[in-house]
Amino acid sequence: MDRLTAPISQGEPCGPDLEYDADFLALEQAARGKGEQQFGDTVVPAQEPDWRDVLERATALLGRSKDLRVAVMLARACARVEGLAGYVQALQLIHLLCEQYWAEAHPLLETDDEHDPTVRMNALSVLAHPEAGLRDLKAALLVRTRGGQASIRDLEYALGLLSAPEGVSHPGETEIVAMLADDHASGGAAAATLGSAAKVADDLQALLNDKVGSDRSADLGPVRDLLRAGARLAARVTGAADAGTEEAAEGAASAGAAAPITGDIRSREDALRVLDRVCEFLERHEPTNPAPLFIRRAQRLMGMNFVDIIRDLVPDSVSQLETLAGLNRE
């Protein structure tokens, strides 16, 4: 991190713009992978990028130029190669580059002598693009133990944030919590990393909003929402572990000492935390009570618009609703 944030030179701390440099172009090509090709009757399937190669190329380029486009490709490669821990470190690097070199970092803010952050914000928006940075984040390894492993995509499926495709198996919420707890008990940092990742993304969003205004800033919302959901799950592991033993954790909960939420609910996040606490209480003290199933579903619906809620609750009614509303889904 220190090497990648150190000035390139005294006179040119961010180095030159390498957008048309052969190494930059090679990095872009490497990050695209290879699309499906057809030669006569032979179809060659698409190939994913060699992410380790992308990681090495991006790291080398950042040593020559502090370019946020390259830093984003580094973050994507870190997610694929090093898992969530590497991805979080890459987000921290992007934050430091923006914080320390805002005026000089590439791509530059000046276009035809005018202050224009559009190109830079477009580059950072790739982090949240569903077919680029967000897809890479979901592929990131979250935890691996003797009992199995789970990715961020598995976490998304387990929490009901996205329905798994038919035939795709994945660990459930309870299994992921058990893996995180096992890793935590063994001195691993998976739960702590998951717990802190949302703040790293939130801090980056806040910095960008402060620099260019929320109306012009890159929207990292999809990344932040996914990591916030993960942070709530991680708190169930790190919170219980901090209490010392399961018995101590239960005693603290019954005594009202397990970090109670006090005061008014002032945000959606506050509301979600309260609902989490309700579910945790019922799951611990009334394990046969089905209420947590419906509460978890309500949590998921809170992030949807009206049409998506209807699609989730009454899928057969969506076509009629769209016809009435004049929505064209073709």
C-alpha atoms as a PDB file:
ATOM      1  CA  MET A   1       0.000   0.000   0.000  1.00  0.00           C
ATOM      2  CA  ASP A   2       2.794   2.428   0.907  1.00  0.00           C
ATOM      3  CA  ARG A   3       4.572   1.787  -2.370  1.00  0.00           C
ATOM      4  CA  LEU A   4       1.450   2.329  -4.457  1.00  0.00           C
ATOM      5  CA  THR A   5       0.546   5.565  -2.675  1.00  0.00           C
ATOM      6  CA  ALA A   6       4.067   7.054  -2.686  1.00  0.00           C
ATOM      7  CA  PRO A   7       4.663   9.856  -5.262  1.00  0.00           C
ATOM      8  CA  ILE A   8       5.956   8.660  -8.634  1.00  0.00           C
ATOM      9  CA  SER A   9       8.430  11.551  -8.712  1.00  0.00           C
ATOM     10  CA  GLN A  10       8.855  14.916  -7.051  1.00  0.00           C
ATOM     11  CA  GLY A  11       7.922  16.879 -10.153  1.00  0.00           C
ATOM     12  CA  GLU A  12       5.123  14.560 -11.271  1.00  0.00           C
ATOM     13  CA  PRO A  13       3.653  12.798  -8.213  1.00  0.00           C
ATOM     14  CA  CYS A  14       1.043  10.898 -10.213  1.00  0.00           C
ATOM     15  CA  GLY A  15       3.233  10.186 -13.208  1.00  0.00           C
ATOM     16  CA  PRO A  16       2.104  10.520 -16.822  1.00  0.00           C
ATOM     17  CA  ASP A  17      -1.285   9.599 -18.254  1.00  0.00           C
ATOM     18  CA  LEU A  18      -0.704   6.155 -19.766  1.00  0.00           C
ATOM     19  CA  GLU A  19      -4.116   5.802 -21.428  1.00  0.00           C
ATOM     20  CA  TYR A  20      -2.516   5.165 -24.837  1.00  0.00           C
ATOM     21  CA  ASP A  21       0.534   3.338 -23.523  1.00  0.00           C
ATOM     22  CA  ALA A  22       0.974  -0.231 -24.775  1.00  0.00           C
ATOM     23  CA  ASP A  23       0.926  -1.616 -21.220  1.00  0.00           C
ATOM     24  CA  PHE A  24      -2.320   0.202 -20.389  1.00  0.00           C
ATOM     25  CA  LEU A  25      -3.982  -1.119 -23.546  1.00  0.00           C
ATOM     26  CA  ALA A  26      -2.719  -4.622 -22.766  1.00  0.00           C
ATOM     27  CA  LEU A  27      -4.216  -4.378 -19.263  1.00  0.00           C
ATOM     28  CA  GLU A  28      -7.605  -3.355 -20.652  1.00  0.00           C
ATOM     29  CA  GLN A  29      -7.488  -6.276 -23.072  1.00  0.00           C
ATOM     30  CA  ALA A  30      -6.512  -8.706 -20.331  1.00  0.00           C
ATOM     31  CA  ALA A  31      -9.389  -7.505 -18.111  1.00  0.00           C
ATOM     32  CA  ARG A  32     -11.910  -8.102 -20.916  1.00  0.00           C
ATOM     33  CA  GLY A  33     -11.065 -11.772 -21.376  1.00  0.00           C
ATOM     34  CA  LYS A  34     -12.099 -13.378 -24.631  1.00  0.00           C
ATOM     35  CA  GLY A  35     -15.593 -13.373 -26.059  1.00  0.00           C
ATOM     36  CA  GLU A  36     -17.230 -16.356 -27.715  1.00  0.00           C
ATOM     37  CA  GLN A  37     -15.787 -17.015 -31.160  1.00  0.00           C
ATOM     38  CA  GLN A  38     -17.074 -19.039 -34.081  1.00  0.00           C
ATOM     39  CA  PHE A  39     -14.941 -20.555 -36.807  1.00  0.00           C
ATOM     40  CA  GLY A  40     -17.205 -22.220 -39.323  1.00  0.00           C
ATOM     41  CA  ASP A  41     -19.222 -24.770 -37.377  1.00  0.00           C
ATOM     42  CA  THR A  42     -16.879 -24.634 -34.405  1.00  0.00           C
ATOM     43  CA  VAL A  43     -17.836 -22.419 -31.452  1.00  0.00           C
ATOM     44  CA  VAL A  44     -15.090 -21.486 -29.021  1.00  0.00           C
ATOM     45  CA  PRO A  45     -16.659 -20.559 -25.643  1.00  0.00           C
ATOM     46  CA  ALA A  46     -15.926 -17.218 -24.024  1.00  0.00           C
ATOM     47  CA  GLN A  47     -13.017 -17.194 -21.595  1.00  0.00           C
ATOM     48  CA  GLU A  48     -12.827 -15.332 -18.289  1.00  0.00           C
ATOM     49  CA  PRO A  49      -9.848 -13.028 -17.841  1.00  0.00           C
ATOM     50  CA  ASP A  50      -6.688 -14.409 -16.304  1.00  0.00           C
ATOM     51  CA  TRP A  51      -7.219 -12.398 -13.143  1.00  0.00           C
ATOM     52  CA  ARG A  52      -3.803 -13.114 -11.701  1.00  0.00           C
ATOM     53  CA  ASP A  53      -2.291 -11.658 -14.860  1.00  0.00           C
ATOM     54  CA  VAL A  54      -4.599  -8.640 -14.550  1.00  0.00           C
ATOM     55  CA  LEU A  55      -3.511  -8.204 -10.921  1.00  0.00           C
ATOM     56  CA  GLU A  56       0.177  -8.239 -11.836  1.00  0.00           C
ATOM     57  CA  ARG A  57      -0.282  -5.853 -14.775  1.00  0.00           C
ATOM     58  CA  ALA A  58      -2.387  -3.397 -12.746  1.00  0.00           C
ATOM     59  CA  THR A  59       0.092  -3.398  -9.850  1.00  0.00           C
ATOM     60  CA  ALA A  60       2.973  -2.685 -12.224  1.00  0.00           C
ATOM     61  CA  LEU A  61       1.089   0.152 -13.956  1.00  0.00           C
ATOM     62  CA  LEU A  62       0.182   1.817 -10.663  1.00  0.00           C
ATOM     63  CA  GLY A  63       3.890   2.018  -9.996  1.00  0.00           C
ATOM     64  CA  ARG A  64       4.198   4.191 -13.111  1.00  0.00           C
ATOM     65  CA  SER A  65       0.959   6.191 -12.978  1.00  0.00           C
ATOM     66  CA  LYS A  66      -1.642   6.864 -10.307  1.00  0.00           C
ATOM     67  CA  ASP A  67      -4.617   6.107 -12.512  1.00  0.00           C
ATOM     68  CA  LEU A  68      -8.005   5.366 -10.967  1.00  0.00           C
ATOM     69  CA  ARG A  69      -8.993   3.313 -14.007  1.00  0.00           C
ATOM     70  CA  VAL A  70      -6.085   1.012 -13.246  1.00  0.00           C
ATOM     71  CA  ALA A  71      -6.918   1.000  -9.529  1.00  0.00           C
ATOM     72  CA  VAL A  72     -10.455  -0.172 -10.330  1.00  0.00           C
ATOM     73  CA  MET A  73      -9.080  -3.021 -12.449  1.00  0.00           C
ATOM     74  CA  LEU A  74      -6.788  -3.859  -9.533  1.00  0.00           C
ATOM     75  CA  ALA A  75      -9.806  -4.030  -7.194  1.00  0.00           C
ATOM     76  CA  ARG A  76     -11.631  -6.336  -9.580  1.00  0.00           C
ATOM     77  CA  ALA A  77      -8.615  -8.617  -9.855  1.00  0.00           C
ATOM     78  CA  CYS A  78      -8.076  -8.603  -6.091  1.00  0.00           C
ATOM     79  CA  ALA A  79     -11.663  -9.759  -5.564  1.00  0.00           C
ATOM     80  CA  ARG A  80     -11.106 -12.650  -7.934  1.00  0.00           C
ATOM     81  CA  VAL A  81      -7.643 -13.667  -6.759  1.00  0.00           C
ATOM     82  CA  GLU A  82      -7.417 -12.633  -3.104  1.00  0.00           C
ATOM     83  CA  GLY A  83     -11.060 -12.712  -2.072  1.00  0.00           C
ATOM     84  CA  LEU A  84     -12.896 -10.136   0.010  1.00  0.00           C
ATOM     85  CA  ALA A  85      -9.806  -9.208   2.047  1.00  0.00           C
ATOM     86  CA  GLY A  86      -7.894  -8.214  -1.089  1.00  0.00           C
ATOM     87  CA  TYR A  87     -10.893  -6.360  -2.466  1.00  0.00           C
ATOM     88  CA  VAL A  88     -11.249  -4.295   0.712  1.00  0.00           C
ATOM     89  CA  GLN A  89      -7.562  -3.382   0.600  1.00  0.00           C
ATOM     90  CA  ALA A  90      -7.975  -2.263  -3.009  1.00  0.00           C
ATOM     91  CA  LEU A  91     -10.939  -0.057  -2.044  1.00  0.00           C
ATOM     92  CA  GLN A  92      -8.788   1.480   0.669  1.00  0.00           C
ATOM     93  CA  LEU A  93      -6.092   2.145  -1.932  1.00  0.00           C
ATOM     94  CA  ILE A  94      -8.611   3.913  -4.192  1.00  0.00           C
ATOM     95  CA  HIS A  95      -9.728   6.009  -1.224  1.00  0.00           C
ATOM     96  CA  LEU A  96      -6.133   6.997  -0.433  1.00  0.00           C
ATOM     97  CA  LEU A  97      -5.373   7.892  -4.052  1.00  0.00           C
ATOM     98  CA  CYS A  98      -8.491  10.087  -4.228  1.00  0.00           C
ATOM     99  CA  GLU A  99      -7.736  11.666  -0.875  1.00  0.00           C
ATOM    100  CA  GLN A 100      -4.041  12.379  -1.451  1.00  0.00           C
ATOM    101  CA  TYR A 101      -3.916  13.049  -5.204  1.00  0.00           C
ATOM    102  CA  TRP A 102      -7.357  14.344  -6.131  1.00  0.00           C
ATOM    103  CA  ALA A 103      -6.070  17.206  -8.291  1.00  0.00           C
ATOM    104  CA  GLU A 104      -3.376  15.217 -10.107  1.00  0.00           C
ATOM    105  CA  ALA A 105      -4.688  11.637 -10.367  1.00  0.00           C
ATOM    106  CA  HIS A 106      -5.641  10.209 -13.739  1.00  0.00           C
ATOM    107  CA  PRO A 107      -7.951  10.574 -15.527  1.00  0.00           C
ATOM    108  CA  LEU A 108      -7.599  14.304 -14.927  1.00  0.00           C
ATOM    109  CA  LEU A 109     -10.547  16.470 -13.924  1.00  0.00           C
ATOM    110  CA  GLU A 110      -9.797  19.174 -16.476  1.00  0.00           C
ATOM    111  CA  THR A 111     -11.309  18.831 -19.935  1.00  0.00           C
ATOM    112  CA  ASP A 112     -10.778  21.719 -22.372  1.00  0.00           C
ATOM    113  CA  ASP A 113      -9.871  23.965 -19.434  1.00  0.00           C
ATOM    114  CA  GLU A 114     -13.106  23.086 -17.604  1.00  0.00           C
ATOM    115  CA  HIS A 115     -13.527  21.211 -14.324  1.00  0.00           C
ATOM    116  CA  ASP A 116     -15.322  18.018 -15.348  1.00  0.00           C
ATOM    117  CA  PRO A 117     -15.306  14.897 -13.149  1.00  0.00           C
ATOM    118  CA  THR A 118     -17.424  12.815 -15.564  1.00  0.00           C
ATOM    119  CA  VAL A 119     -14.643  10.650 -16.971  1.00  0.00           C
ATOM    120  CA  ARG A 120     -13.239   9.963 -13.509  1.00  0.00           C
ATOM    121  CA  MET A 121     -16.650   9.156 -12.037  1.00  0.00           C
ATOM    122  CA  ASN A 122     -17.422   6.851 -14.964  1.00  0.00           C
ATOM    123  CA  ALA A 123     -14.190   4.996 -14.258  1.00  0.00           C
ATOM    124  CA  LEU A 124     -15.086   4.554 -10.575  1.00  0.00           C
ATOM    125  CA  SER A 125     -18.673   3.566 -11.412  1.00  0.00           C
ATOM    126  CA  VAL A 126     -17.300   0.351 -12.901  1.00  0.00           C
ATOM    127  CA  LEU A 127     -16.937  -0.871  -9.297  1.00  0.00           C
ATOM    128  CA  ALA A 128     -20.736  -1.095  -9.054  1.00  0.00           C
ATOM    129  CA  HIS A 129     -21.487  -2.222 -12.612  1.00  0.00           C
ATOM    130  CA  PRO A 130     -23.462  -5.506 -12.487  1.00  0.00           C
ATOM    131  CA  GLU A 131     -21.413  -7.064 -15.287  1.00  0.00           C
ATOM    132  CA  ALA A 132     -18.052  -5.784 -14.087  1.00  0.00           C
ATOM    133  CA  GLY A 133     -16.990  -4.736 -10.585  1.00  0.00           C
ATOM    134  CA  LEU A 134     -20.127  -5.912  -8.784  1.00  0.00           C
ATOM    135  CA  ARG A 135     -19.918  -9.297 -10.497  1.00  0.00           C
ATOM    136  CA  ASP A 136     -16.295  -9.605  -9.423  1.00  0.00           C
ATOM    137  CA  LEU A 137     -17.146  -8.698  -5.828  1.00  0.00           C
ATOM    138  CA  LYS A 138     -19.819 -11.390  -5.754  1.00  0.00           C
ATOM    139  CA  ALA A 139     -17.257 -13.929  -6.975  1.00  0.00           C
ATOM    140  CA  ALA A 140     -14.886 -13.038  -4.125  1.00  0.00           C
ATOM    141  CA  LEU A 141     -14.141 -15.750  -1.584  1.00  0.00           C
ATOM    142  CA  LEU A 142     -15.580 -14.809   1.796  1.00  0.00           C
ATOM    143  CA  VAL A 143     -14.451 -17.683   3.994  1.00  0.00           C
ATOM    144  CA  ARG A 144     -12.861 -21.110   3.694  1.00  0.00           C
ATOM    145  CA  THR A 145     -12.773 -23.633   6.534  1.00  0.00           C
ATOM    146  CA  ARG A 146     -12.619 -27.384   6.969  1.00  0.00           C
ATOM    147  CA  GLY A 147     -16.401 -27.319   6.862  1.00  0.00           C
ATOM    148  CA  GLY A 148     -16.598 -25.703   3.445  1.00  0.00           C
ATOM    149  CA  GLN A 149     -16.292 -22.348   1.780  1.00  0.00           C
ATOM    150  CA  ALA A 150     -18.562 -19.489   0.748  1.00  0.00           C
ATOM    151  CA  SER A 151     -18.336 -16.563  -1.645  1.00  0.00           C
ATOM    152  CA  ILE A 152     -20.054 -13.197  -1.485  1.00  0.00           C
ATOM    153  CA  ARG A 153     -22.507 -14.511  -4.083  1.00  0.00           C
ATOM    154  CA  ASP A 154     -23.308 -17.439  -1.762  1.00  0.00           C
ATOM    155  CA  LEU A 155     -23.925 -14.877   0.979  1.00  0.00           C
ATOM    156  CA  GLU A 156     -26.279 -12.964  -1.307  1.00  0.00           C
ATOM    157  CA  TYR A 157     -28.256 -16.126  -2.057  1.00  0.00           C
ATOM    158  CA  ALA A 158     -28.314 -17.205   1.600  1.00  0.00           C
ATOM    159  CA  LEU A 159     -29.684 -13.865   2.783  1.00  0.00           C
ATOM    160  CA  GLY A 160     -32.400 -13.911   0.143  1.00  0.00           C
ATOM    161  CA  LEU A 161     -31.078 -10.789  -1.575  1.00  0.00           C
ATOM    162  CA  LEU A 162     -31.106 -12.661  -4.883  1.00  0.00           C
ATOM    163  CA  SER A 163     -32.714 -15.935  -5.910  1.00  0.00           C
ATOM    164  CA  ALA A 164     -30.238 -18.612  -6.894  1.00  0.00           C
ATOM    165  CA  PRO A 165     -30.664 -19.968 -10.428  1.00  0.00           C
ATOM    166  CA  GLU A 166     -32.468 -23.284 -10.651  1.00  0.00           C
ATOM    167  CA  GLY A 167     -30.142 -26.167  -9.935  1.00  0.00           C
ATOM    168  CA  VAL A 168     -27.467 -24.016  -8.286  1.00  0.00           C
ATOM    169  CA  SER A 169     -26.633 -25.167  -4.772  1.00  0.00           C
ATOM    170  CA  HIS A 170     -25.151 -22.881  -2.145  1.00  0.00           C
ATOM    171  CA  PRO A 171     -24.580 -22.877   1.608  1.00  0.00           C
ATOM    172  CA  GLY A 172     -27.417 -21.500   3.689  1.00  0.00           C
ATOM    173  CA  GLU A 173     -27.295 -18.609   6.132  1.00  0.00           C
ATOM    174  CA  THR A 174     -26.765 -20.885   9.122  1.00  0.00           C
ATOM    175  CA  GLU A 175     -23.926 -22.696   7.356  1.00  0.00           C
ATOM    176  CA  ILE A 176     -22.166 -19.437   6.461  1.00  0.00           C
ATOM    177  CA  VAL A 177     -22.479 -18.179  10.037  1.00  0.00           C
ATOM    178  CA  ALA A 178     -20.983 -21.473  11.235  1.00  0.00           C
ATOM    179  CA  MET A 179     -18.068 -21.131   8.781  1.00  0.00           C
ATOM    180  CA  LEU A 180     -17.409 -17.563   9.890  1.00  0.00           C
ATOM    181  CA  ALA A 181     -17.595 -18.582  13.545  1.00  0.00           C
ATOM    182  CA  ASP A 182     -15.204 -21.485  12.959  1.00  0.00           C
ATOM    183  CA  ASP A 183     -12.766 -19.201  11.134  1.00  0.00           C
ATOM    184  CA  HIS A 184     -13.080 -16.562  13.869  1.00  0.00           C
ATOM    185  CA  ALA A 185     -12.438 -19.100  16.612  1.00  0.00           C
ATOM    186  CA  SER A 186      -9.314 -20.248  14.753  1.00  0.00           C
ATOM    187  CA  GLY A 187      -7.939 -16.719  14.624  1.00  0.00           C
ATOM    188  CA  GLY A 188      -9.122 -15.971  11.096  1.00  0.00           C
ATOM    189  CA  ALA A 189     -10.272 -12.528   9.999  1.00  0.00           C
ATOM    190  CA  ALA A 190     -13.108 -13.371   7.606  1.00  0.00           C
ATOM    191  CA  ALA A 191     -15.904 -12.114   9.886  1.00  0.00           C
ATOM    192  CA  ALA A 192     -13.965  -8.986  10.849  1.00  0.00           C
ATOM    193  CA  THR A 193     -13.213  -8.227   7.200  1.00  0.00           C
ATOM    194  CA  LEU A 194     -16.855  -8.680   6.254  1.00  0.00           C
ATOM    195  CA  GLY A 195     -17.863  -6.488   9.168  1.00  0.00           C
ATOM    196  CA  SER A 196     -15.562  -3.633   8.138  1.00  0.00           C
ATOM    197  CA  ALA A 197     -16.001  -3.802   4.360  1.00  0.00           C
ATOM    198  CA  ALA A 198     -19.202  -1.748   4.301  1.00  0.00           C
ATOM    199  CA  LYS A 199     -17.554   1.139   6.149  1.00  0.00           C
ATOM    200  CA  VAL A 200     -14.689   1.153   3.658  1.00  0.00           C
ATOM    201  CA  ALA A 201     -17.177   1.427   0.778  1.00  0.00           C
ATOM    202  CA  ASP A 202     -19.249   4.025   2.653  1.00  0.00           C
ATOM    203  CA  ASP A 203     -16.136   6.114   3.340  1.00  0.00           C
ATOM    204  CA  LEU A 204     -15.173   6.054  -0.341  1.00  0.00           C
ATOM    205  CA  GLN A 205     -18.680   7.122  -1.349  1.00  0.00           C
ATOM    206  CA  ALA A 206     -18.638   9.946   1.200  1.00  0.00           C
ATOM    207  CA  LEU A 207     -15.280  11.176  -0.097  1.00  0.00           C
ATOM    208  CA  LEU A 208     -16.474  11.200  -3.707  1.00  0.00           C
ATOM    209  CA  ASN A 209     -19.690  12.964  -2.748  1.00  0.00           C
ATOM    210  CA  ASP A 210     -17.668  15.582  -0.890  1.00  0.00           C
ATOM    211  CA  LYS A 211     -15.366  16.116  -3.874  1.00  0.00           C
ATOM    212  CA  VAL A 212     -17.922  16.419  -6.680  1.00  0.00           C
ATOM    213  CA  GLY A 213     -21.376  16.439  -5.057  1.00  0.00           C
ATOM    214  CA  SER A 214     -23.729  13.499  -4.685  1.00  0.00           C
ATOM    215  CA  ASP A 215     -25.523  14.378  -7.928  1.00  0.00           C
ATOM    216  CA  ARG A 216     -22.320  13.947  -9.968  1.00  0.00           C
ATOM    217  CA  SER A 217     -20.602  11.268  -7.916  1.00  0.00           C
ATOM    218  CA  ALA A 218     -20.152   7.626  -8.864  1.00  0.00           C
ATOM    219  CA  ASP A 219     -22.975   5.606  -7.299  1.00  0.00           C
ATOM    220  CA  LEU A 220     -21.515   2.758  -5.262  1.00  0.00           C
ATOM    221  CA  GLY A 221     -24.938   1.891  -3.830  1.00  0.00           C
ATOM    222  CA  PRO A 222     -25.095  -1.745  -5.035  1.00  0.00           C
ATOM    223  CA  VAL A 223     -21.687  -2.468  -3.516  1.00  0.00           C
ATOM    224  CA  ARG A 224     -22.525  -0.719  -0.252  1.00  0.00           C
ATOM    225  CA  ASP A 225     -25.922  -2.421   0.107  1.00  0.00           C
ATOM    226  CA  LEU A 226     -24.433  -5.874  -0.388  1.00  0.00           C
ATOM    227  CA  LEU A 227     -21.600  -5.241   2.052  1.00  0.00           C
ATOM    228  CA  ARG A 228     -23.962  -3.753   4.649  1.00  0.00           C
ATOM    229  CA  ALA A 229     -26.038  -6.928   4.547  1.00  0.00           C
ATOM    230  CA  GLY A 230     -22.837  -8.875   5.062  1.00  0.00           C
ATOM    231  CA  ALA A 231     -21.823  -6.652   7.973  1.00  0.00           C
ATOM    232  CA  ARG A 232     -25.087  -7.421   9.771  1.00  0.00           C
ATOM    233  CA  LEU A 233     -24.388 -11.127   9.402  1.00  0.00           C
ATOM    234  CA  ALA A 234     -20.763 -10.724  10.534  1.00  0.00           C
ATOM    235  CA  ALA A 235     -21.933  -8.929  13.687  1.00  0.00           C
ATOM    236  CA  ARG A 236     -23.719 -12.104  14.743  1.00  0.00           C
ATOM    237  CA  VAL A 237     -20.338 -13.846  14.776  1.00  0.00           C
ATOM    238  CA  THR A 238     -18.021 -11.183  16.137  1.00  0.00           C
ATOM    239  CA  GLY A 239     -20.577 -10.010  18.705  1.00  0.00           C
ATOM    240  CA  ALA A 240     -21.049 -13.503  20.140  1.00  0.00           C
ATOM    241  CA  ALA A 241     -17.309 -14.140  20.139  1.00  0.00           C
ATOM    242  CA  ASP A 242     -16.603 -10.894  21.966  1.00  0.00           C
ATOM    243  CA  ALA A 243     -18.945 -12.024  24.730  1.00  0.00           C
ATOM    244  CA  GLY A 244     -16.532 -14.886  25.429  1.00  0.00           C
ATOM    245  CA  THR A 245     -18.821 -17.905  25.320  1.00  0.00           C
ATOM    246  CA  GLU A 246     -22.258 -18.756  24.013  1.00  0.00           C
ATOM    247  CA  GLU A 247     -23.577 -18.782  27.589  1.00  0.00           C
ATOM    248  CA  ALA A 248     -22.161 -15.339  28.274  1.00  0.00           C
ATOM    249  CA  ALA A 249     -23.674 -14.033  25.058  1.00  0.00           C
ATOM    250  CA  GLU A 250     -27.093 -15.387  25.981  1.00  0.00           C
ATOM    251  CA  GLY A 251     -26.813 -13.916  29.459  1.00  0.00           C
ATOM    252  CA  ALA A 252     -25.921 -10.518  28.086  1.00  0.00           C
ATOM    253  CA  ALA A 253     -28.832 -10.642  25.668  1.00  0.00           C
ATOM    254  CA  SER A 254     -31.319 -11.572  28.388  1.00  0.00           C
ATOM    255  CA  ALA A 255     -29.956  -8.812  30.624  1.00  0.00           C
ATOM    256  CA  GLY A 256     -30.278  -6.272  27.831  1.00  0.00           C
ATOM    257  CA  ALA A 257     -26.517  -5.673  27.686  1.00  0.00           C
ATOM    258  CA  ALA A 258     -25.833  -6.825  24.116  1.00  0.00           C
ATOM    259  CA  ALA A 259     -25.360  -3.363  22.558  1.00  0.00           C
ATOM    260  CA  PRO A 260     -29.015  -2.299  22.732  1.00  0.00           C
ATOM    261  CA  ILE A 261     -30.340   0.131  20.152  1.00  0.00           C
ATOM    262  CA  THR A 262     -31.554   3.177  22.029  1.00  0.00           C
ATOM    263  CA  GLY A 263     -33.469   6.258  20.949  1.00  0.00           C
ATOM    264  CA  ASP A 264     -35.531   6.792  17.843  1.00  0.00           C
ATOM    265  CA  ILE A 265     -35.062   4.859  14.619  1.00  0.00           C
ATOM    266  CA  ARG A 266     -33.588   7.490  12.319  1.00  0.00           C
ATOM    267  CA  SER A 267     -32.666   5.538   9.190  1.00  0.00           C
ATOM    268  CA  ARG A 268     -33.410   2.414   7.209  1.00  0.00           C
ATOM    269  CA  GLU A 269     -30.184   0.914   8.569  1.00  0.00           C
ATOM    270  CA  ASP A 270     -31.462   1.471  12.134  1.00  0.00           C
ATOM    271  CA  ALA A 271     -34.703  -0.275  11.228  1.00  0.00           C
ATOM    272  CA  LEU A 272     -32.854  -3.225   9.686  1.00  0.00           C
ATOM    273  CA  ARG A 273     -30.672  -3.577  12.778  1.00  0.00           C
ATOM    274  CA  VAL A 274     -33.740  -3.646  15.013  1.00  0.00           C
ATOM    275  CA  LEU A 275     -35.303  -6.352  12.847  1.00  0.00           C
ATOM    276  CA  ASP A 276     -32.041  -8.302  13.009  1.00  0.00           C
ATOM    277  CA  ARG A 277     -32.168  -8.161  16.801  1.00  0.00           C
ATOM    278  CA  VAL A 278     -35.768  -9.396  16.797  1.00  0.00           C
ATOM    279  CA  CYS A 279     -34.841 -12.333  14.562  1.00  0.00           C
ATOM    280  CA  GLU A 280     -31.800 -13.195  16.681  1.00  0.00           C
ATOM    281  CA  PHE A 281     -33.914 -13.203  19.858  1.00  0.00           C
ATOM    282  CA  LEU A 282     -36.576 -15.446  18.349  1.00  0.00           C
ATOM    283  CA  GLU A 283     -34.032 -17.805  16.788  1.00  0.00           C
ATOM    284  CA  ARG A 284     -32.267 -18.172  20.152  1.00  0.00           C
ATOM    285  CA  HIS A 285     -35.230 -18.360  22.529  1.00  0.00           C
ATOM    286  CA  GLU A 286     -38.114 -19.537  20.300  1.00  0.00           C
ATOM    287  CA  PRO A 287     -36.445 -21.684  17.626  1.00  0.00           C
ATOM    288  CA  THR A 288     -39.762 -23.133  16.404  1.00  0.00           C
ATOM    289  CA  ASN A 289     -41.308 -19.697  15.853  1.00  0.00           C
ATOM    290  CA  PRO A 290     -41.662 -19.075  12.077  1.00  0.00           C
ATOM    291  CA  ALA A 291     -41.727 -15.274  12.447  1.00  0.00           C
ATOM    292  CA  PRO A 292     -38.029 -14.759  11.504  1.00  0.00           C
ATOM    293  CA  LEU A 293     -38.734 -16.185   8.043  1.00  0.00           C
ATOM    294  CA  PHE A 294     -41.243 -13.422   7.359  1.00  0.00           C
ATOM    295  CA  ILE A 295     -39.160 -10.723   9.035  1.00  0.00           C
ATOM    296  CA  ARG A 296     -36.136 -11.616   6.897  1.00  0.00           C
ATOM    297  CA  ARG A 297     -38.327 -11.408   3.836  1.00  0.00           C
ATOM    298  CA  ALA A 298     -39.597  -7.995   4.930  1.00  0.00           C
ATOM    299  CA  GLN A 299     -35.988  -6.837   5.283  1.00  0.00           C
ATOM    300  CA  ARG A 300     -35.285  -7.896   1.709  1.00  0.00           C
ATOM    301  CA  LEU A 301     -38.414  -6.140   0.414  1.00  0.00           C
ATOM    302  CA  MET A 302     -37.354  -2.854   2.016  1.00  0.00           C
ATOM    303  CA  GLY A 303     -34.734  -2.382  -0.681  1.00  0.00           C
ATOM    304  CA  MET A 304     -37.127  -2.968  -3.581  1.00  0.00           C
ATOM    305  CA  ASN A 305     -39.411  -0.674  -5.522  1.00  0.00           C
ATOM    306  CA  PHE A 306     -43.177  -1.294  -5.730  1.00  0.00           C
ATOM    307  CA  VAL A 307     -43.090  -3.337  -8.932  1.00  0.00           C
ATOM    308  CA  ASP A 308     -40.273  -5.556  -7.658  1.00  0.00           C
ATOM    309  CA  ILE A 309     -42.163  -6.133  -4.408  1.00  0.00           C
ATOM    310  CA  ILE A 310     -45.247  -7.262  -6.354  1.00  0.00           C
ATOM    311  CA  ARG A 311     -43.026  -9.453  -8.531  1.00  0.00           C
ATOM    312  CA  ASP A 312     -41.614 -11.071  -5.392  1.00  0.00           C
ATOM    313  CA  LEU A 313     -44.899 -11.494  -3.531  1.00  0.00           C
ATOM    314  CA  VAL A 314     -47.399 -12.156  -6.334  1.00  0.00           C
ATOM    315  CA  PRO A 315     -45.415 -12.905  -9.513  1.00  0.00           C
ATOM    316  CA  ASP A 316     -48.528 -13.843 -11.510  1.00  0.00           C
ATOM    317  CA  SER A 317     -49.903 -10.316 -11.060  1.00  0.00           C
ATOM    318  CA  VAL A 318     -46.921  -8.464 -12.497  1.00  0.00           C
ATOM    319  CA  SER A 319     -48.063  -8.500 -16.123  1.00  0.00           C
ATOM    320  CA  GLN A 320     -51.455  -7.051 -15.170  1.00  0.00           C
ATOM    321  CA  LEU A 321     -49.815  -4.374 -13.035  1.00  0.00           C
ATOM    322  CA  GLU A 322     -47.428  -3.395 -15.830  1.00  0.00           C
ATOM    323  CA  THR A 323     -50.309  -3.160 -18.278  1.00  0.00           C
ATOM    324  CA  LEU A 324     -52.263  -0.902 -15.906  1.00  0.00           C
ATOM    325  CA  ALA A 325     -49.209   1.263 -15.252  1.00  0.00           C
ATOM    326  CA  GLY A 326     -48.272   1.482 -18.906  1.00  0.00           C
ATOM    327  CA  LEU A 327     -44.859  -0.070 -18.317  1.00  0.00           C
ATOM    328  CA  ASN A 328     -43.208  -1.555 -21.380  1.00  0.00           C
ATOM    329  CA  ARG A 329     -41.118  -4.571 -20.399  1.00  0.00           C
ATOM    330  CA  GLU A 330     -40.241  -5.699 -23.902  1.00  0.00           C
END
